[in-house]
Structure formats: C-alpha cells, structure tokens
Amino acid sequence: MRTTLDNRLIPQHLARQFLPSGRPSHGVPGAQGHWLGRLLRGVRAGDGRLVINHAYVKDAPATLRLSSPAFAEGGAIPLRHAGGGLGDNLSPALSWTGAPTGTAALALVVQDPDAPLPRPATHLLATGIAPTRKTFDEGELCPRVGNGVTLGRGLFGRVGYAGPRPLRGHGPHRYVFQLLALEHPLALPELPSLGDLLAALTPQTVLAWGALTGTFERA
C-alpha cells in the first residue's frame, strides 16, 4: 500500500521510533503523539517475506513446538521484553521440542510483519544453535551473553535481541519467533544478516520449522 508521505523521509522517522535506545526522539515532528503511526496504519510489510514463508522453508514439516513462559501463542508480550525506552529489552525465555533426527544445527529468527517497511523488521537473528539445546533463558539472546550462539544483525544493524518498539498509534504488531532445524550448520559471515542466512539455504537444508507469535502495541 502506498502513502503520500515522501518515502525518503520515512526511514529517518521510523529509525528514531523503532531503535530501542531509550533516547528521546528530538527533532521528529509530533514524536510524542500518534500522527506518524496513524498515517502509516494501513502500511505493513506483510507475511510474505517471513522466513517460514521462504520457498526453501515453507514446504518443510512444521513439527517444532516453540513456546515461552512469558506469553502464549497470539498473546501479548510483557513490557519487560519490549525495547529500550519502553521495557528492559530482555529476550523472553524459550523452549522447544520436536527437532527431527539428523538435525545438525538450529537457527532462530524473530520478525515483525506489521512494521511499515518494505519487508518484515528483523528483531533477532541467532544461528549456530546446537542441536542438543532445548531452551534459552530470559535475556540469553542479548549480545553480552556468551553462550556459543552466533547473533546476527537485525533491525537497523542492531546485533542480538531488539524488543518490540512499534510506532505509537500504528495498531498491534505481531512478533513471529521462527525456529529452523537444519541438516547442516550454515556457512555464514562472522556477523550475519538475514539475507546471508536465506542465501545459505537450499531446498534440502531445512528439516523442520516451528513458530510462536506474540503481540505488542503502543497505544
């Protein structure tokens, strides 16, 4: 969907709203109100570019069962897991079952398909997850935690978990936690992007997947 707002202005405004830095949005007209969120309310990236809808993922069996003690499927993500300036920017605890025999590694991606951007915003990219791992503790997917997992670049280049911080007035956003079981570890750069991960996939790479969706809204 198109908007009459000059598209060259949107990235700067969105960056100041989305970045979980906790810094005030000085210089953004109406940053403390809802005008931009309301203006872009009908503009959403959509589900088509979620990782689980990628051509090499969607046909794999959805047999992984991903859950969190922090929120149920489709439920509201607690404020403590929201981005800086709103919450504590702590990644929620996660657990899963159903990794098939032959799984050599896992990858976890969190995307917001309701962001008013050309593609879903990436809030977390974690690769190199050992096949024997079954859980993540709260806060474990922050870049300061050394747990052997490779954290990649997501929204606006941020590394590690970036909690929900949608535009005020834009309506509820979904945050889709997507876990992939892989038949071999991916050859990726030291600080991979989502594009790097997708480029490394082949039709045989993904053995199974699972997803968990939480919601968050800034009224």
C-alpha atoms as a PDB file:
ATOM      1  CA  MET A   1       0.000   0.000   0.000  1.00  0.00           C
ATOM      2  CA  ARG A   2       1.293   3.439  -0.871  1.00  0.00           C
ATOM      3  CA  THR A   3       1.222   6.567   1.226  1.00  0.00           C
ATOM      4  CA  THR A   4       1.511  10.201   0.194  1.00  0.00           C
ATOM      5  CA  LEU A   5       4.259  10.741   2.753  1.00  0.00           C
ATOM      6  CA  ASP A   6       7.596  11.256   1.000  1.00  0.00           C
ATOM      7  CA  ASN A   7       9.209   7.805   1.149  1.00  0.00           C
ATOM      8  CA  ARG A   8      12.650   9.395   1.540  1.00  0.00           C
ATOM      9  CA  LEU A   9      11.564  10.756   4.908  1.00  0.00           C
ATOM     10  CA  ILE A  10      10.136   7.546   6.312  1.00  0.00           C
ATOM     11  CA  PRO A  11      13.384   5.712   7.205  1.00  0.00           C
ATOM     12  CA  GLN A  12      14.723   8.535   9.406  1.00  0.00           C
ATOM     13  CA  HIS A  13      11.427   8.913  11.238  1.00  0.00           C
ATOM     14  CA  LEU A  14      10.988   5.176  11.658  1.00  0.00           C
ATOM     15  CA  ALA A  15      14.547   4.688  12.862  1.00  0.00           C
ATOM     16  CA  ARG A  16      14.015   7.168  15.665  1.00  0.00           C
ATOM     17  CA  GLN A  17      10.797   5.439  16.661  1.00  0.00           C
ATOM     18  CA  PHE A  18      11.987   1.844  16.294  1.00  0.00           C
ATOM     19  CA  LEU A  19      15.515   1.917  17.705  1.00  0.00           C
ATOM     20  CA  PRO A  20      15.370   0.518  21.260  1.00  0.00           C
ATOM     21  CA  SER A  21      17.894   3.038  22.536  1.00  0.00           C
ATOM     22  CA  GLY A  22      15.757   4.822  25.051  1.00  0.00           C
ATOM     23  CA  ARG A  23      16.835   8.173  23.623  1.00  0.00           C
ATOM     24  CA  PRO A  24      14.111  10.781  23.130  1.00  0.00           C
ATOM     25  CA  SER A  25      13.009  11.436  19.555  1.00  0.00           C
ATOM     26  CA  HIS A  26      14.164  15.058  19.379  1.00  0.00           C
ATOM     27  CA  GLY A  27      13.578  16.753  16.064  1.00  0.00           C
ATOM     28  CA  VAL A  28      10.790  14.430  14.913  1.00  0.00           C
ATOM     29  CA  PRO A  29       7.566  16.439  14.496  1.00  0.00           C
ATOM     30  CA  GLY A  30       4.893  15.025  16.771  1.00  0.00           C
ATOM     31  CA  ALA A  31       7.201  12.282  18.053  1.00  0.00           C
ATOM     32  CA  GLN A  32       5.344  12.190  21.349  1.00  0.00           C
ATOM     33  CA  GLY A  33       1.981  11.794  19.602  1.00  0.00           C
ATOM     34  CA  HIS A  34       0.420   9.384  17.204  1.00  0.00           C
ATOM     35  CA  TRP A  35       0.406  11.201  13.862  1.00  0.00           C
ATOM     36  CA  LEU A  36       3.001   9.087  12.070  1.00  0.00           C
ATOM     37  CA  GLY A  37       1.597   5.793  13.342  1.00  0.00           C
ATOM     38  CA  ARG A  38      -1.895   6.784  12.303  1.00  0.00           C
ATOM     39  CA  LEU A  39      -0.724   7.979   8.903  1.00  0.00           C
ATOM     40  CA  LEU A  40       1.015   4.643   8.259  1.00  0.00           C
ATOM     41  CA  ARG A  41      -1.584   2.444   9.946  1.00  0.00           C
ATOM     42  CA  GLY A  42      -2.514   0.701   6.684  1.00  0.00           C
ATOM     43  CA  VAL A  43       1.121   0.268   5.623  1.00  0.00           C
ATOM     44  CA  ARG A  44       2.508  -3.100   6.724  1.00  0.00           C
ATOM     45  CA  ALA A  45       5.256  -5.325   5.396  1.00  0.00           C
ATOM     46  CA  GLY A  46       3.019  -8.402   5.301  1.00  0.00           C
ATOM     47  CA  ASP A  47       3.616 -12.098   5.919  1.00  0.00           C
ATOM     48  CA  GLY A  48       5.015 -12.985   2.501  1.00  0.00           C
ATOM     49  CA  ARG A  49       8.640 -12.352   3.489  1.00  0.00           C
ATOM     50  CA  LEU A  50       8.571 -14.113   6.830  1.00  0.00           C
ATOM     51  CA  VAL A  51      11.290 -16.759   6.958  1.00  0.00           C
ATOM     52  CA  ILE A  52       8.700 -19.521   7.357  1.00  0.00           C
ATOM     53  CA  ASN A  53       7.205 -18.478   4.012  1.00  0.00           C
ATOM     54  CA  HIS A  54      10.528 -18.718   2.177  1.00  0.00           C
ATOM     55  CA  ALA A  55      10.459 -21.185  -0.706  1.00  0.00           C
ATOM     56  CA  TYR A  56      13.034 -23.444   0.975  1.00  0.00           C
ATOM     57  CA  VAL A  57      11.288 -23.389   4.373  1.00  0.00           C
ATOM     58  CA  LYS A  58       7.523 -23.464   3.888  1.00  0.00           C
ATOM     59  CA  ASP A  59       7.406 -26.991   2.473  1.00  0.00           C
ATOM     60  CA  ALA A  60       9.337 -28.493   5.388  1.00  0.00           C
ATOM     61  CA  PRO A  61       7.169 -30.048   8.127  1.00  0.00           C
ATOM     62  CA  ALA A  62       6.074 -27.704  10.910  1.00  0.00           C
ATOM     63  CA  THR A  63       6.905 -30.185  13.641  1.00  0.00           C
ATOM     64  CA  LEU A  64       8.940 -27.990  16.001  1.00  0.00           C
ATOM     65  CA  ARG A  65       6.921 -26.823  19.017  1.00  0.00           C
ATOM     66  CA  LEU A  66       8.199 -23.472  20.253  1.00  0.00           C
ATOM     67  CA  SER A  67       6.833 -21.924  23.450  1.00  0.00           C
ATOM     68  CA  SER A  68       7.595 -19.291  26.076  1.00  0.00           C
ATOM     69  CA  PRO A  69       6.556 -18.919  29.726  1.00  0.00           C
ATOM     70  CA  ALA A  70       6.254 -15.184  29.059  1.00  0.00           C
ATOM     71  CA  PHE A  71       3.329 -15.307  26.620  1.00  0.00           C
ATOM     72  CA  ALA A  72       1.024 -17.789  24.920  1.00  0.00           C
ATOM     73  CA  GLU A  73       0.579 -18.160  21.165  1.00  0.00           C
ATOM     74  CA  GLY A  74      -1.035 -14.945  19.946  1.00  0.00           C
ATOM     75  CA  GLY A  75      -0.762 -13.355  23.401  1.00  0.00           C
ATOM     76  CA  ALA A  76       0.683 -10.028  24.460  1.00  0.00           C
ATOM     77  CA  ILE A  77       4.440  -9.827  25.001  1.00  0.00           C
ATOM     78  CA  PRO A  78       5.133  -8.428  28.502  1.00  0.00           C
ATOM     79  CA  LEU A  79       6.574  -4.938  28.776  1.00  0.00           C
ATOM     80  CA  ARG A  80       9.842  -6.229  30.250  1.00  0.00           C
ATOM     81  CA  HIS A  81      10.616  -7.742  26.830  1.00  0.00           C
ATOM     82  CA  ALA A  82       9.914  -4.504  24.944  1.00  0.00           C
ATOM     83  CA  GLY A  83      12.711  -2.395  23.503  1.00  0.00           C
ATOM     84  CA  GLY A  84      14.749   0.101  25.491  1.00  0.00           C
ATOM     85  CA  GLY A  85      12.847   3.207  26.496  1.00  0.00           C
ATOM     86  CA  LEU A  86       9.708   1.105  26.914  1.00  0.00           C
ATOM     87  CA  GLY A  87      10.889  -2.055  28.656  1.00  0.00           C
ATOM     88  CA  ASP A  88      14.067  -3.835  29.698  1.00  0.00           C
ATOM     89  CA  ASN A  89      14.855  -5.226  26.227  1.00  0.00           C
ATOM     90  CA  LEU A  90      15.230  -8.725  27.661  1.00  0.00           C
ATOM     91  CA  SER A  91      14.732 -11.608  25.259  1.00  0.00           C
ATOM     92  CA  PRO A  92      11.970 -13.906  26.557  1.00  0.00           C
ATOM     93  CA  ALA A  93      12.719 -17.402  27.775  1.00  0.00           C
ATOM     94  CA  LEU A  94      12.036 -20.010  25.085  1.00  0.00           C
ATOM     95  CA  SER A  95      11.808 -23.778  24.885  1.00  0.00           C
ATOM     96  CA  TRP A  96      11.125 -26.222  22.089  1.00  0.00           C
ATOM     97  CA  THR A  97      10.623 -29.857  21.203  1.00  0.00           C
ATOM     98  CA  GLY A  98      10.344 -31.868  18.010  1.00  0.00           C
ATOM     99  CA  ALA A  99      13.750 -31.450  16.382  1.00  0.00           C
ATOM    100  CA  PRO A 100      13.932 -34.353  13.915  1.00  0.00           C
ATOM    101  CA  THR A 101      16.652 -36.975  13.752  1.00  0.00           C
ATOM    102  CA  GLY A 102      19.541 -35.656  11.717  1.00  0.00           C
ATOM    103  CA  THR A 103      19.291 -32.078  12.955  1.00  0.00           C
ATOM    104  CA  ALA A 104      22.828 -30.650  12.953  1.00  0.00           C
ATOM    105  CA  ALA A 105      22.039 -27.055  13.978  1.00  0.00           C
ATOM    106  CA  LEU A 106      19.153 -24.694  14.663  1.00  0.00           C
ATOM    107  CA  ALA A 107      18.503 -21.073  13.734  1.00  0.00           C
ATOM    108  CA  LEU A 108      16.096 -18.615  15.326  1.00  0.00           C
ATOM    109  CA  VAL A 109      14.684 -15.507  13.660  1.00  0.00           C
ATOM    110  CA  VAL A 110      12.202 -13.000  15.101  1.00  0.00           C
ATOM    111  CA  GLN A 111      10.379 -10.776  12.606  1.00  0.00           C
ATOM    112  CA  ASP A 112       7.650  -8.140  12.757  1.00  0.00           C
ATOM    113  CA  PRO A 113       5.493  -8.416   9.612  1.00  0.00           C
ATOM    114  CA  ASP A 114       3.390  -5.434  10.697  1.00  0.00           C
ATOM    115  CA  ALA A 115       6.237  -2.915  10.500  1.00  0.00           C
ATOM    116  CA  PRO A 116       5.544  -0.149   7.935  1.00  0.00           C
ATOM    117  CA  LEU A 117       8.601  -1.166   5.933  1.00  0.00           C
ATOM    118  CA  PRO A 118       9.197  -2.927   2.588  1.00  0.00           C
ATOM    119  CA  ARG A 119       9.884  -6.216   4.423  1.00  0.00           C
ATOM    120  CA  PRO A 120       9.323  -7.536   7.948  1.00  0.00           C
ATOM    121  CA  ALA A 121      11.629  -5.992  10.530  1.00  0.00           C
ATOM    122  CA  THR A 122      14.168  -8.464  11.945  1.00  0.00           C
ATOM    123  CA  HIS A 123      14.305  -8.259  15.747  1.00  0.00           C
ATOM    124  CA  LEU A 124      16.603 -11.222  16.300  1.00  0.00           C
ATOM    125  CA  LEU A 125      18.862 -13.481  14.262  1.00  0.00           C
ATOM    126  CA  ALA A 126      20.570 -16.330  16.117  1.00  0.00           C
ATOM    127  CA  THR A 127      22.439 -19.091  14.292  1.00  0.00           C
ATOM    128  CA  GLY A 128      24.792 -21.909  15.214  1.00  0.00           C
ATOM    129  CA  ILE A 129      22.412 -23.183  17.894  1.00  0.00           C
ATOM    130  CA  ALA A 130      23.495 -26.663  18.978  1.00  0.00           C
ATOM    131  CA  PRO A 131      21.023 -29.441  18.117  1.00  0.00           C
ATOM    132  CA  THR A 132      21.126 -30.630  21.728  1.00  0.00           C
ATOM    133  CA  ARG A 133      19.898 -27.293  23.059  1.00  0.00           C
ATOM    134  CA  LYS A 134      16.238 -27.163  24.061  1.00  0.00           C
ATOM    135  CA  THR A 135      15.883 -23.799  25.812  1.00  0.00           C
ATOM    136  CA  PHE A 136      17.020 -20.218  26.106  1.00  0.00           C
ATOM    137  CA  ASP A 137      16.834 -18.423  29.438  1.00  0.00           C
ATOM    138  CA  GLU A 138      15.393 -14.936  29.718  1.00  0.00           C
ATOM    139  CA  GLY A 139      17.916 -12.380  28.460  1.00  0.00           C
ATOM    140  CA  GLU A 140      20.198 -15.035  26.995  1.00  0.00           C
ATOM    141  CA  LEU A 141      19.930 -13.706  23.434  1.00  0.00           C
ATOM    142  CA  CYS A 142      21.434 -10.333  24.269  1.00  0.00           C
ATOM    143  CA  PRO A 143      24.899  -9.685  22.774  1.00  0.00           C
ATOM    144  CA  ARG A 144      26.652  -9.524  26.156  1.00  0.00           C
ATOM    145  CA  VAL A 145      25.827 -13.141  26.922  1.00  0.00           C
ATOM    146  CA  GLY A 146      28.439 -15.626  25.725  1.00  0.00           C
ATOM    147  CA  ASN A 147      26.661 -18.915  25.075  1.00  0.00           C
ATOM    148  CA  GLY A 148      28.219 -20.148  21.839  1.00  0.00           C
ATOM    149  CA  VAL A 149      25.341 -18.858  19.719  1.00  0.00           C
ATOM    150  CA  THR A 150      26.103 -16.507  16.811  1.00  0.00           C
ATOM    151  CA  LEU A 151      23.969 -13.360  16.952  1.00  0.00           C
ATOM    152  CA  GLY A 152      23.492 -11.566  13.657  1.00  0.00           C
ATOM    153  CA  ARG A 153      22.482  -8.106  12.510  1.00  0.00           C
ATOM    154  CA  GLY A 154      18.816  -7.216  12.564  1.00  0.00           C
ATOM    155  CA  LEU A 155      16.738  -4.048  12.633  1.00  0.00           C
ATOM    156  CA  PHE A 156      18.859  -1.017  11.702  1.00  0.00           C
ATOM    157  CA  GLY A 157      22.024  -3.093  12.138  1.00  0.00           C
ATOM    158  CA  ARG A 158      21.392  -3.915  15.778  1.00  0.00           C
ATOM    159  CA  VAL A 159      23.057  -7.135  16.999  1.00  0.00           C
ATOM    160  CA  GLY A 160      21.114  -9.522  19.206  1.00  0.00           C
ATOM    161  CA  TYR A 161      17.604  -9.209  20.554  1.00  0.00           C
ATOM    162  CA  ALA A 162      15.782  -5.933  19.884  1.00  0.00           C
ATOM    163  CA  GLY A 163      12.461  -5.926  21.694  1.00  0.00           C
ATOM    164  CA  PRO A 164       9.158  -4.571  20.391  1.00  0.00           C
ATOM    165  CA  ARG A 165       9.008  -0.806  19.997  1.00  0.00           C
ATOM    166  CA  PRO A 166       6.419  -0.163  17.276  1.00  0.00           C
ATOM    167  CA  LEU A 167       5.169   3.247  16.244  1.00  0.00           C
ATOM    168  CA  ARG A 168       2.604   4.706  18.596  1.00  0.00           C
ATOM    169  CA  GLY A 169      -0.848   4.615  17.123  1.00  0.00           C
ATOM    170  CA  HIS A 170       0.068   2.098  14.423  1.00  0.00           C
ATOM    171  CA  GLY A 171      -2.015  -0.678  15.978  1.00  0.00           C
ATOM    172  CA  PRO A 172      -0.980  -4.099  17.260  1.00  0.00           C
ATOM    173  CA  HIS A 173       2.162  -5.669  15.821  1.00  0.00           C
ATOM    174  CA  ARG A 174       2.942  -9.378  15.646  1.00  0.00           C
ATOM    175  CA  TYR A 175       6.389 -10.688  16.545  1.00  0.00           C
ATOM    176  CA  VAL A 176       6.947 -14.083  14.950  1.00  0.00           C
ATOM    177  CA  PHE A 177       9.601 -16.271  16.608  1.00  0.00           C
ATOM    178  CA  GLN A 178      10.676 -18.772  13.928  1.00  0.00           C
ATOM    179  CA  LEU A 179      12.881 -21.762  14.692  1.00  0.00           C
ATOM    180  CA  LEU A 180      14.506 -23.815  11.930  1.00  0.00           C
ATOM    181  CA  ALA A 181      16.027 -27.287  12.251  1.00  0.00           C
ATOM    182  CA  LEU A 182      18.898 -27.575   9.769  1.00  0.00           C
ATOM    183  CA  GLU A 183      20.539 -30.635   8.281  1.00  0.00           C
ATOM    184  CA  HIS A 184      23.969 -28.950   8.422  1.00  0.00           C
ATOM    185  CA  PRO A 185      25.464 -25.834  10.058  1.00  0.00           C
ATOM    186  CA  LEU A 186      25.291 -22.809   7.771  1.00  0.00           C
ATOM    187  CA  ALA A 187      28.458 -21.209   6.392  1.00  0.00           C
ATOM    188  CA  LEU A 188      27.855 -17.581   7.340  1.00  0.00           C
ATOM    189  CA  PRO A 189      29.920 -14.423   7.922  1.00  0.00           C
ATOM    190  CA  GLU A 190      31.024 -13.575  11.450  1.00  0.00           C
ATOM    191  CA  LEU A 191      28.154 -11.086  11.820  1.00  0.00           C
ATOM    192  CA  PRO A 192      25.463 -12.455   9.503  1.00  0.00           C
ATOM    193  CA  SER A 193      22.350 -10.713   8.252  1.00  0.00           C
ATOM    194  CA  LEU A 194      19.030 -12.312   7.453  1.00  0.00           C
ATOM    195  CA  GLY A 195      19.964 -12.071   3.789  1.00  0.00           C
ATOM    196  CA  ASP A 196      23.105 -14.113   4.480  1.00  0.00           C
ATOM    197  CA  LEU A 197      21.055 -16.799   6.212  1.00  0.00           C
ATOM    198  CA  LEU A 198      18.487 -17.024   3.413  1.00  0.00           C
ATOM    199  CA  ALA A 199      21.199 -17.128   0.749  1.00  0.00           C
ATOM    200  CA  ALA A 200      22.801 -20.103   2.517  1.00  0.00           C
ATOM    201  CA  LEU A 201      19.620 -22.201   2.379  1.00  0.00           C
ATOM    202  CA  THR A 202      19.000 -24.892  -0.215  1.00  0.00           C
ATOM    203  CA  PRO A 203      15.858 -26.991  -0.799  1.00  0.00           C
ATOM    204  CA  GLN A 204      17.394 -29.705   1.415  1.00  0.00           C
ATOM    205  CA  THR A 205      18.689 -27.515   4.260  1.00  0.00           C
ATOM    206  CA  VAL A 206      15.583 -27.118   6.419  1.00  0.00           C
ATOM    207  CA  LEU A 207      14.352 -30.332   8.049  1.00  0.00           C
ATOM    208  CA  ALA A 208      11.549 -28.765  10.088  1.00  0.00           C
ATOM    209  CA  TRP A 209      10.340 -25.480  11.478  1.00  0.00           C
ATOM    210  CA  GLY A 210       8.134 -24.063  14.212  1.00  0.00           C
ATOM    211  CA  ALA A 211       6.790 -20.644  15.105  1.00  0.00           C
ATOM    212  CA  LEU A 212       5.468 -18.721  18.090  1.00  0.00           C
ATOM    213  CA  THR A 213       3.727 -15.364  17.688  1.00  0.00           C
ATOM    214  CA  GLY A 214       3.408 -12.665  20.328  1.00  0.00           C
ATOM    215  CA  THR A 215       1.822  -9.244  20.011  1.00  0.00           C
ATOM    216  CA  PHE A 216       2.670  -5.761  21.211  1.00  0.00           C
ATOM    217  CA  GLU A 217       1.007  -2.380  20.758  1.00  0.00           C
ATOM    218  CA  ARG A 218       1.854   1.201  21.701  1.00  0.00           C
ATOM    219  CA  ALA A 219      -1.483   2.936  22.110  1.00  0.00           C
END
